[in-house]
C-alpha atoms as a PDB file:
ATOM      1  CA  MET A   1      21.051  76.530 -60.550  1.00  0.00           C
ATOM      2  CA  MET A   2      19.305  73.148 -60.565  1.00  0.00           C
ATOM      3  CA  VAL A   3      17.093  74.227 -57.646  1.00  0.00           C
ATOM      4  CA  THR A   4      16.100  77.398 -59.490  1.00  0.00           C
ATOM      5  CA  LEU A   5      15.216  75.417 -62.605  1.00  0.00           C
ATOM      6  CA  LEU A   6      13.116  72.959 -60.596  1.00  0.00           C
ATOM      7  CA  MET A   7      11.318  75.811 -58.818  1.00  0.00           C
ATOM      8  CA  ILE A   8      10.435  77.423 -62.159  1.00  0.00           C
ATOM      9  CA  ILE A   9       9.150  74.113 -63.524  1.00  0.00           C
ATOM     10  CA  SER A  10       7.098  73.553 -60.358  1.00  0.00           C
ATOM     11  CA  ALA A  11       5.602  77.033 -60.485  1.00  0.00           C
ATOM     12  CA  GLN A  12       4.642  76.612 -64.141  1.00  0.00           C
ATOM     13  CA  SER A  13       3.009  73.240 -63.488  1.00  0.00           C
ATOM     14  CA  VAL A  14       0.489  74.744 -61.050  1.00  0.00           C
ATOM     15  CA  LYS A  15      -0.194  77.890 -63.017  1.00  0.00           C
ATOM     16  CA  GLY A  16      -3.922  78.486 -63.448  1.00  0.00           C
ATOM     17  CA  MET A  17      -4.974  76.477 -60.416  1.00  0.00           C
ATOM     18  CA  GLU A  18      -5.822  79.588 -58.402  1.00  0.00           C
ATOM     19  CA  LYS A  19      -9.496  79.354 -59.383  1.00  0.00           C
ATOM     20  CA  GLU A  20      -9.628  75.700 -58.367  1.00  0.00           C
ATOM     21  CA  THR A  21      -8.134  76.551 -54.983  1.00  0.00           C
ATOM     22  CA  ALA A  22     -10.686  79.333 -54.457  1.00  0.00           C
ATOM     23  CA  LYS A  23     -13.514  76.829 -55.083  1.00  0.00           C
ATOM     24  CA  ARG A  24     -12.102  74.462 -52.481  1.00  0.00           C
ATOM     25  CA  LYS A  25     -12.014  77.139 -49.799  1.00  0.00           C
ATOM     26  CA  LYS A  26     -15.794  77.577 -50.051  1.00  0.00           C
ATOM     27  CA  ARG A  27     -16.523  73.987 -48.961  1.00  0.00           C
ATOM     28  CA  SER A  28     -17.378  73.418 -45.322  1.00  0.00           C
ATOM     29  CA  ILE A  29     -15.360  71.254 -42.964  1.00  0.00           C
ATOM     30  CA  HIS A  30     -18.304  68.868 -42.738  1.00  0.00           C
ATOM     31  CA  SER A  31     -18.292  68.307 -46.506  1.00  0.00           C
ATOM     32  CA  ARG A  32     -14.536  67.728 -46.429  1.00  0.00           C
ATOM     33  CA  LEU A  33     -14.869  65.100 -43.702  1.00  0.00           C
ATOM     34  CA  GLN A  34     -17.404  63.168 -45.765  1.00  0.00           C
ATOM     35  CA  VAL A  35     -14.515  61.601 -47.656  1.00  0.00           C
ATOM     36  CA  LEU A  36     -13.643  59.666 -44.474  1.00  0.00           C
ATOM     37  CA  LYS A  37     -16.788  57.600 -45.029  1.00  0.00           C
ATOM     38  CA  GLU A  38     -15.245  56.144 -48.174  1.00  0.00           C
ATOM     39  CA  LYS A  39     -13.521  52.886 -47.288  1.00  0.00           C
ATOM     40  CA  ASN A  40     -11.046  52.985 -50.178  1.00  0.00           C
ATOM     41  CA  TYR A  41      -9.919  56.491 -49.274  1.00  0.00           C
ATOM     42  CA  VAL A  42      -9.273  55.521 -45.662  1.00  0.00           C
ATOM     43  CA  ILE A  43      -7.339  52.422 -46.759  1.00  0.00           C
ATOM     44  CA  LEU A  44      -5.240  54.546 -49.116  1.00  0.00           C
ATOM     45  CA  VAL A  45      -4.449  57.099 -46.411  1.00  0.00           C
ATOM     46  CA  VAL A  46      -3.484  54.357 -43.944  1.00  0.00           C
ATOM     47  CA  LEU A  47      -1.244  52.663 -46.520  1.00  0.00           C
ATOM     48  CA  TYR A  48       0.455  55.959 -47.374  1.00  0.00           C
ATOM     49  CA  PHE A  49       0.929  56.654 -43.672  1.00  0.00           C
ATOM     50  CA  PHE A  50       2.586  53.316 -42.947  1.00  0.00           C
ATOM     51  CA  GLY A  51       4.542  53.476 -46.201  1.00  0.00           C
ATOM     52  CA  GLY A  52       5.888  56.861 -45.174  1.00  0.00           C
ATOM     53  CA  ILE A  53       6.886  55.528 -41.765  1.00  0.00           C
ATOM     54  CA  ALA A  54       8.608  52.523 -43.350  1.00  0.00           C
ATOM     55  CA  THR A  55      10.521  54.637 -45.862  1.00  0.00           C
ATOM     56  CA  THR A  56      11.538  57.190 -43.243  1.00  0.00           C
ATOM     57  CA  SER A  57      12.634  54.489 -40.815  1.00  0.00           C
ATOM     58  CA  MET A  58      14.700  52.770 -43.467  1.00  0.00           C
ATOM     59  CA  THR A  59      16.430  55.916 -44.669  1.00  0.00           C
ATOM     60  CA  ALA A  60      16.966  57.079 -41.077  1.00  0.00           C
ATOM     61  CA  SER A  61      18.771  53.813 -40.344  1.00  0.00           C
ATOM     62  CA  PHE A  62      21.270  54.339 -43.192  1.00  0.00           C
ATOM     63  CA  PRO A  63      23.845  56.140 -41.010  1.00  0.00           C
ATOM     64  CA  PHE A  64      23.714  53.424 -38.333  1.00  0.00           C
ATOM     65  CA  PHE A  65      23.913  50.666 -40.921  1.00  0.00           C
ATOM     66  CA  ALA A  66      26.792  52.320 -42.786  1.00  0.00           C
ATOM     67  CA  LYS A  67      28.816  52.908 -39.619  1.00  0.00           C
ATOM     68  CA  HIS A  68      28.202  49.722 -37.645  1.00  0.00           C
ATOM     69  CA  ILE A  69      27.591  47.113 -40.334  1.00  0.00           C
ATOM     70  CA  MET A  70      29.506  48.420 -43.333  1.00  0.00           C
ATOM     71  CA  GLY A  71      32.227  50.123 -41.271  1.00  0.00           C
ATOM     72  CA  ASN A  72      32.201  53.319 -43.359  1.00  0.00           C
ATOM     73  CA  ASP A  73      30.203  56.427 -42.393  1.00  0.00           C
ATOM     74  CA  SER A  74      30.355  57.941 -45.878  1.00  0.00           C
ATOM     75  CA  LEU A  75      28.432  55.013 -47.377  1.00  0.00           C
ATOM     76  CA  SER A  76      25.319  56.441 -45.758  1.00  0.00           C
ATOM     77  CA  THR A  77      25.230  59.482 -48.024  1.00  0.00           C
ATOM     78  CA  TYR A  78      26.090  57.557 -51.166  1.00  0.00           C
ATOM     79  CA  GLY A  79      23.657  54.782 -50.288  1.00  0.00           C
ATOM     80  CA  LEU A  80      20.834  57.265 -49.770  1.00  0.00           C
ATOM     81  CA  ALA A  81      21.678  58.930 -53.083  1.00  0.00           C
ATOM     82  CA  ALA A  82      21.644  55.561 -54.884  1.00  0.00           C
ATOM     83  CA  PHE A  83      18.326  54.699 -53.233  1.00  0.00           C
ATOM     84  CA  ILE A  84      16.628  57.986 -54.159  1.00  0.00           C
ATOM     85  CA  LEU A  85      18.022  58.200 -57.695  1.00  0.00           C
ATOM     86  CA  THR A  86      16.964  54.641 -58.491  1.00  0.00           C
ATOM     87  CA  ALA A  87      13.502  55.283 -57.044  1.00  0.00           C
ATOM     88  CA  MET A  88      13.162  58.370 -59.256  1.00  0.00           C
ATOM     89  CA  VAL A  89      14.205  56.475 -62.378  1.00  0.00           C
ATOM     90  CA  PHE A  90      11.637  53.739 -61.747  1.00  0.00           C
ATOM     91  CA  ILE A  91       8.643  56.035 -61.101  1.00  0.00           C
ATOM     92  CA  PRO A  92       7.527  56.050 -64.782  1.00  0.00           C
ATOM     93  CA  LEU A  93       7.671  52.246 -64.900  1.00  0.00           C
ATOM     94  CA  TRP A  94       5.526  51.907 -61.769  1.00  0.00           C
ATOM     95  CA  LEU A  95       3.023  54.404 -63.153  1.00  0.00           C
ATOM     96  CA  LYS A  96       2.676  52.339 -66.348  1.00  0.00           C
ATOM     97  CA  LEU A  97       2.396  49.104 -64.379  1.00  0.00           C
ATOM     98  CA  ALA A  98      -0.282  50.644 -62.140  1.00  0.00           C
ATOM     99  CA  LYS A  99      -2.427  51.236 -65.219  1.00  0.00           C
ATOM    100  CA  MET A 100      -1.972  47.654 -66.449  1.00  0.00           C
ATOM    101  CA  ILE A 101      -1.983  45.622 -63.220  1.00  0.00           C
ATOM    102  CA  HIS A 102      -4.237  45.821 -60.179  1.00  0.00           C
ATOM    103  CA  LYS A 103      -2.604  48.071 -57.571  1.00  0.00           C
ATOM    104  CA  LYS A 104      -3.158  45.553 -54.785  1.00  0.00           C
ATOM    105  CA  ILE A 105      -0.984  43.062 -56.678  1.00  0.00           C
ATOM    106  CA  LEU A 106       1.714  45.699 -57.217  1.00  0.00           C
ATOM    107  CA  LEU A 107       1.666  46.522 -53.515  1.00  0.00           C
ATOM    108  CA  MET A 108       2.161  42.860 -52.643  1.00  0.00           C
ATOM    109  CA  ILE A 109       5.016  42.546 -55.160  1.00  0.00           C
ATOM    110  CA  THR A 110       6.853  45.618 -53.893  1.00  0.00           C
ATOM    111  CA  THR A 111       6.321  44.765 -50.230  1.00  0.00           C
ATOM    112  CA  THR A 112       7.571  41.212 -50.737  1.00  0.00           C
ATOM    113  CA  ALA A 113      10.551  42.400 -52.781  1.00  0.00           C
ATOM    114  CA  MET A 114      11.511  44.937 -50.119  1.00  0.00           C
ATOM    115  CA  ALA A 115      11.250  42.296 -47.385  1.00  0.00           C
ATOM    116  CA  VAL A 116      13.524  39.959 -49.366  1.00  0.00           C
ATOM    117  CA  ILE A 117      16.041  42.723 -50.148  1.00  0.00           C
ATOM    118  CA  LEU A 118      16.193  43.964 -46.551  1.00  0.00           C
ATOM    119  CA  THR A 119      16.610  40.378 -45.323  1.00  0.00           C
ATOM    120  CA  LEU A 120      19.464  39.834 -47.776  1.00  0.00           C
ATOM    121  CA  MET A 121      21.081  43.059 -46.612  1.00  0.00           C
ATOM    122  CA  GLY A 122      20.851  41.975 -42.998  1.00  0.00           C
ATOM    123  CA  LEU A 123      22.247  38.514 -43.681  1.00  0.00           C
ATOM    124  CA  PHE A 124      25.000  39.134 -46.205  1.00  0.00           C
ATOM    125  CA  LEU A 125      26.382  42.643 -45.859  1.00  0.00           C
ATOM    126  CA  ASN A 126      29.560  43.535 -44.012  1.00  0.00           C
ATOM    127  CA  GLU A 127      32.644  45.761 -44.509  1.00  0.00           C
ATOM    128  CA  ASP A 128      33.912  43.686 -47.423  1.00  0.00           C
ATOM    129  CA  ARG A 129      30.741  43.843 -49.511  1.00  0.00           C
ATOM    130  CA  THR A 130      30.393  47.482 -50.517  1.00  0.00           C
ATOM    131  CA  LEU A 131      29.425  46.656 -54.095  1.00  0.00           C
ATOM    132  CA  LEU A 132      26.668  44.328 -52.874  1.00  0.00           C
ATOM    133  CA  PHE A 133      25.496  47.112 -50.539  1.00  0.00           C
ATOM    134  CA  PHE A 134      25.063  49.517 -53.459  1.00  0.00           C
ATOM    135  CA  LEU A 135      23.442  46.855 -55.618  1.00  0.00           C
ATOM    136  CA  LEU A 136      20.864  45.953 -52.965  1.00  0.00           C
ATOM    137  CA  ILE A 137      20.208  49.549 -51.960  1.00  0.00           C
ATOM    138  CA  SER A 138      19.624  50.455 -55.618  1.00  0.00           C
ATOM    139  CA  ILE A 139      17.295  47.509 -56.137  1.00  0.00           C
ATOM    140  CA  SER A 140      15.368  48.517 -53.018  1.00  0.00           C
ATOM    141  CA  GLY A 141      15.020  52.012 -54.488  1.00  0.00           C
ATOM    142  CA  ALA A 142      13.530  50.488 -57.615  1.00  0.00           C
ATOM    143  CA  PHE A 143      10.835  48.794 -55.533  1.00  0.00           C
ATOM    144  CA  MET A 144      10.156  51.789 -53.315  1.00  0.00           C
END
């Protein structure tokens, strides 16, 4: 039911964009590649690329971490859920901050925070610290 509701909302949010899409199809490949000459665009694409790799690597390591460090396979699923839900909750805050603070500063803050959180996880987590695991994984979601 939730999936159906989200699909309806998604479909309604793009309604009327058919004309815009038709305009885009008329542009040549050469004109589309011109954007690669813009330094800021290339930097943004590279940052998104590496950010995607970092996020995917981290979430892909959840099962290993849960099994071998935390000693409980099921923590992987719950940890991933805590990570994603917290990230979703904090999206509006990051959008507001991005309008008020230079994005380069925000990137440095989030990158530094994630490095600190992941270091703390590596140093202090074990089978006896499940609550700390969920706390740190949720905080990391907030900075993602």
